[in-house]
N, C-alpha and C. Protein backbone atom coordinates (compact mmCIF):
# COMPACT_ATOMS: atom_id res chain seq x y z
N MET A 1 -49.42 49.52 -99.43
CA MET A 1 -49.65 50.88 -99.63
C MET A 1 -48.82 51.43 -100.78
N LYS A 2 -49.45 52.12 -101.58
CA LYS A 2 -48.78 52.70 -102.83
C LYS A 2 -48.06 53.98 -102.36
N LYS A 3 -46.86 54.12 -102.98
CA LYS A 3 -46.05 55.26 -102.79
C LYS A 3 -46.61 56.48 -103.55
N SER A 4 -46.38 57.67 -102.99
CA SER A 4 -46.74 58.86 -103.75
C SER A 4 -45.69 59.10 -104.88
N PHE A 5 -46.02 59.96 -105.77
CA PHE A 5 -45.08 60.22 -106.83
C PHE A 5 -43.70 60.79 -106.32
N ASP A 6 -43.78 61.57 -105.23
CA ASP A 6 -42.55 62.09 -104.71
C ASP A 6 -41.69 61.08 -104.15
N GLN A 7 -42.22 59.99 -103.58
CA GLN A 7 -41.47 58.91 -103.01
C GLN A 7 -41.09 57.85 -103.92
N GLU A 8 -41.57 57.89 -105.19
CA GLU A 8 -41.31 56.83 -106.20
C GLU A 8 -39.79 56.76 -106.45
N ASP A 9 -39.39 55.52 -106.69
CA ASP A 9 -37.95 55.19 -106.99
C ASP A 9 -37.50 56.08 -108.22
N LEU A 10 -36.31 56.73 -108.04
CA LEU A 10 -35.79 57.56 -109.12
C LEU A 10 -35.64 56.71 -110.48
N ARG A 11 -35.28 55.46 -110.27
CA ARG A 11 -35.14 54.77 -111.56
C ARG A 11 -36.35 54.62 -112.34
N VAL A 12 -37.45 54.39 -111.60
CA VAL A 12 -38.77 54.25 -112.26
C VAL A 12 -39.12 55.58 -112.90
N ARG A 13 -38.94 56.69 -112.19
CA ARG A 13 -39.18 58.02 -112.83
C ARG A 13 -38.38 58.27 -114.04
N ARG A 14 -37.11 57.87 -114.01
CA ARG A 14 -36.23 58.11 -115.12
C ARG A 14 -36.67 57.30 -116.29
N THR A 15 -37.04 56.01 -116.08
CA THR A 15 -37.49 55.09 -117.13
C THR A 15 -38.81 55.61 -117.74
N ARG A 16 -39.70 55.99 -116.97
CA ARG A 16 -40.97 56.52 -117.52
C ARG A 16 -40.71 57.81 -118.34
N LYS A 17 -39.80 58.66 -117.95
CA LYS A 17 -39.42 59.90 -118.68
C LYS A 17 -38.83 59.53 -119.99
N LEU A 18 -37.87 58.65 -120.01
CA LEU A 18 -37.19 58.18 -121.21
C LEU A 18 -38.16 57.57 -122.19
N LEU A 19 -39.09 56.73 -121.70
CA LEU A 19 -40.03 56.10 -122.54
C LEU A 19 -40.90 57.13 -123.18
N TRP A 20 -41.35 58.16 -122.44
CA TRP A 20 -42.28 59.16 -122.90
C TRP A 20 -41.59 59.99 -123.98
N GLU A 21 -40.34 60.38 -123.71
CA GLU A 21 -39.60 61.17 -124.64
C GLU A 21 -39.37 60.46 -125.97
N ALA A 22 -39.10 59.04 -125.79
CA ALA A 22 -38.87 58.27 -126.99
C ALA A 22 -40.21 58.15 -127.76
N PHE A 23 -41.32 57.98 -127.12
CA PHE A 23 -42.55 57.90 -127.78
C PHE A 23 -42.83 59.19 -128.50
N MET A 24 -42.61 60.29 -127.91
CA MET A 24 -42.89 61.63 -128.50
C MET A 24 -41.96 61.82 -129.71
N ALA A 25 -40.69 61.37 -129.61
CA ALA A 25 -39.85 61.43 -130.73
C ALA A 25 -40.16 60.66 -131.90
N GLU A 26 -40.65 59.45 -131.54
CA GLU A 26 -41.15 58.45 -132.65
C GLU A 26 -42.38 59.13 -133.34
N LEU A 27 -43.24 59.72 -132.54
CA LEU A 27 -44.51 60.35 -133.05
C LEU A 27 -44.24 61.45 -133.97
N SER A 28 -43.05 62.18 -133.75
CA SER A 28 -42.81 63.36 -134.57
C SER A 28 -42.21 62.95 -135.89
N GLU A 29 -41.70 61.62 -135.92
CA GLU A 29 -41.07 61.11 -137.16
C GLU A 29 -41.99 60.17 -137.98
N ARG A 30 -42.90 59.52 -137.27
CA ARG A 30 -43.78 58.39 -137.90
C ARG A 30 -45.16 58.76 -137.58
N SER A 31 -46.06 58.04 -138.30
CA SER A 31 -47.51 58.13 -137.95
C SER A 31 -47.73 57.13 -136.82
N PHE A 32 -48.89 57.38 -136.08
CA PHE A 32 -49.10 56.60 -134.92
C PHE A 32 -49.15 55.08 -135.27
N GLU A 33 -49.71 54.71 -136.41
CA GLU A 33 -49.83 53.33 -136.85
C GLU A 33 -48.47 52.65 -137.11
N GLU A 34 -47.49 53.41 -137.38
CA GLU A 34 -46.13 52.88 -137.66
C GLU A 34 -45.24 52.71 -136.40
N ILE A 35 -45.65 53.31 -135.32
CA ILE A 35 -44.83 53.28 -134.08
C ILE A 35 -45.00 51.85 -133.41
N THR A 36 -43.89 51.33 -133.05
CA THR A 36 -43.88 50.01 -132.38
C THR A 36 -43.21 50.00 -130.97
N VAL A 37 -43.63 49.19 -130.12
CA VAL A 37 -43.04 49.05 -128.85
C VAL A 37 -41.44 48.94 -128.91
N LYS A 38 -41.04 48.02 -129.86
CA LYS A 38 -39.67 47.82 -129.97
C LYS A 38 -38.97 49.03 -130.38
N GLY A 39 -39.52 49.93 -131.18
CA GLY A 39 -38.87 51.13 -131.57
C GLY A 39 -38.75 52.14 -130.51
N ILE A 40 -39.83 52.22 -129.65
CA ILE A 40 -39.78 53.10 -128.55
C ILE A 40 -38.70 52.66 -127.53
N CYS A 41 -38.66 51.28 -127.26
CA CYS A 41 -37.77 50.81 -126.27
C CYS A 41 -36.32 51.00 -126.70
N GLU A 42 -36.13 50.69 -128.04
CA GLU A 42 -34.79 50.91 -128.55
C GLU A 42 -34.30 52.30 -128.38
N ARG A 43 -35.13 53.28 -128.72
CA ARG A 43 -34.77 54.68 -128.57
C ARG A 43 -34.57 55.12 -127.11
N ALA A 44 -35.32 54.51 -126.19
CA ALA A 44 -35.24 54.92 -124.80
C ALA A 44 -34.17 54.00 -124.09
N MET A 45 -33.56 53.02 -124.88
CA MET A 45 -32.55 52.21 -124.37
C MET A 45 -33.06 51.42 -123.14
N SER A 46 -34.28 50.88 -123.33
CA SER A 46 -34.87 50.15 -122.26
C SER A 46 -35.42 48.85 -122.85
N SER A 47 -35.63 47.89 -121.97
CA SER A 47 -36.19 46.55 -122.31
C SER A 47 -37.67 46.67 -122.58
N HIS A 48 -38.23 45.97 -123.53
CA HIS A 48 -39.65 45.88 -123.79
C HIS A 48 -40.36 45.21 -122.67
N HIS A 49 -39.69 44.50 -121.70
CA HIS A 49 -40.29 43.95 -120.51
C HIS A 49 -40.76 45.02 -119.56
N VAL A 50 -40.13 46.21 -119.63
CA VAL A 50 -40.58 47.27 -118.77
C VAL A 50 -42.01 47.70 -118.99
N LEU A 51 -42.45 47.59 -120.20
CA LEU A 51 -43.85 47.95 -120.47
C LEU A 51 -44.72 46.77 -120.08
């Protein structure tokens, strides 16, 4: 059974938030075509294996 958003592990929620914020920051600095998974993960201080 899948957990609801409220019951989701806080580490997962934090990681998703950091990745989203990193993506948005990259998007404000670069064109979409120039954005890489590596760049997003480095900015979010997360492993690319998370994605």
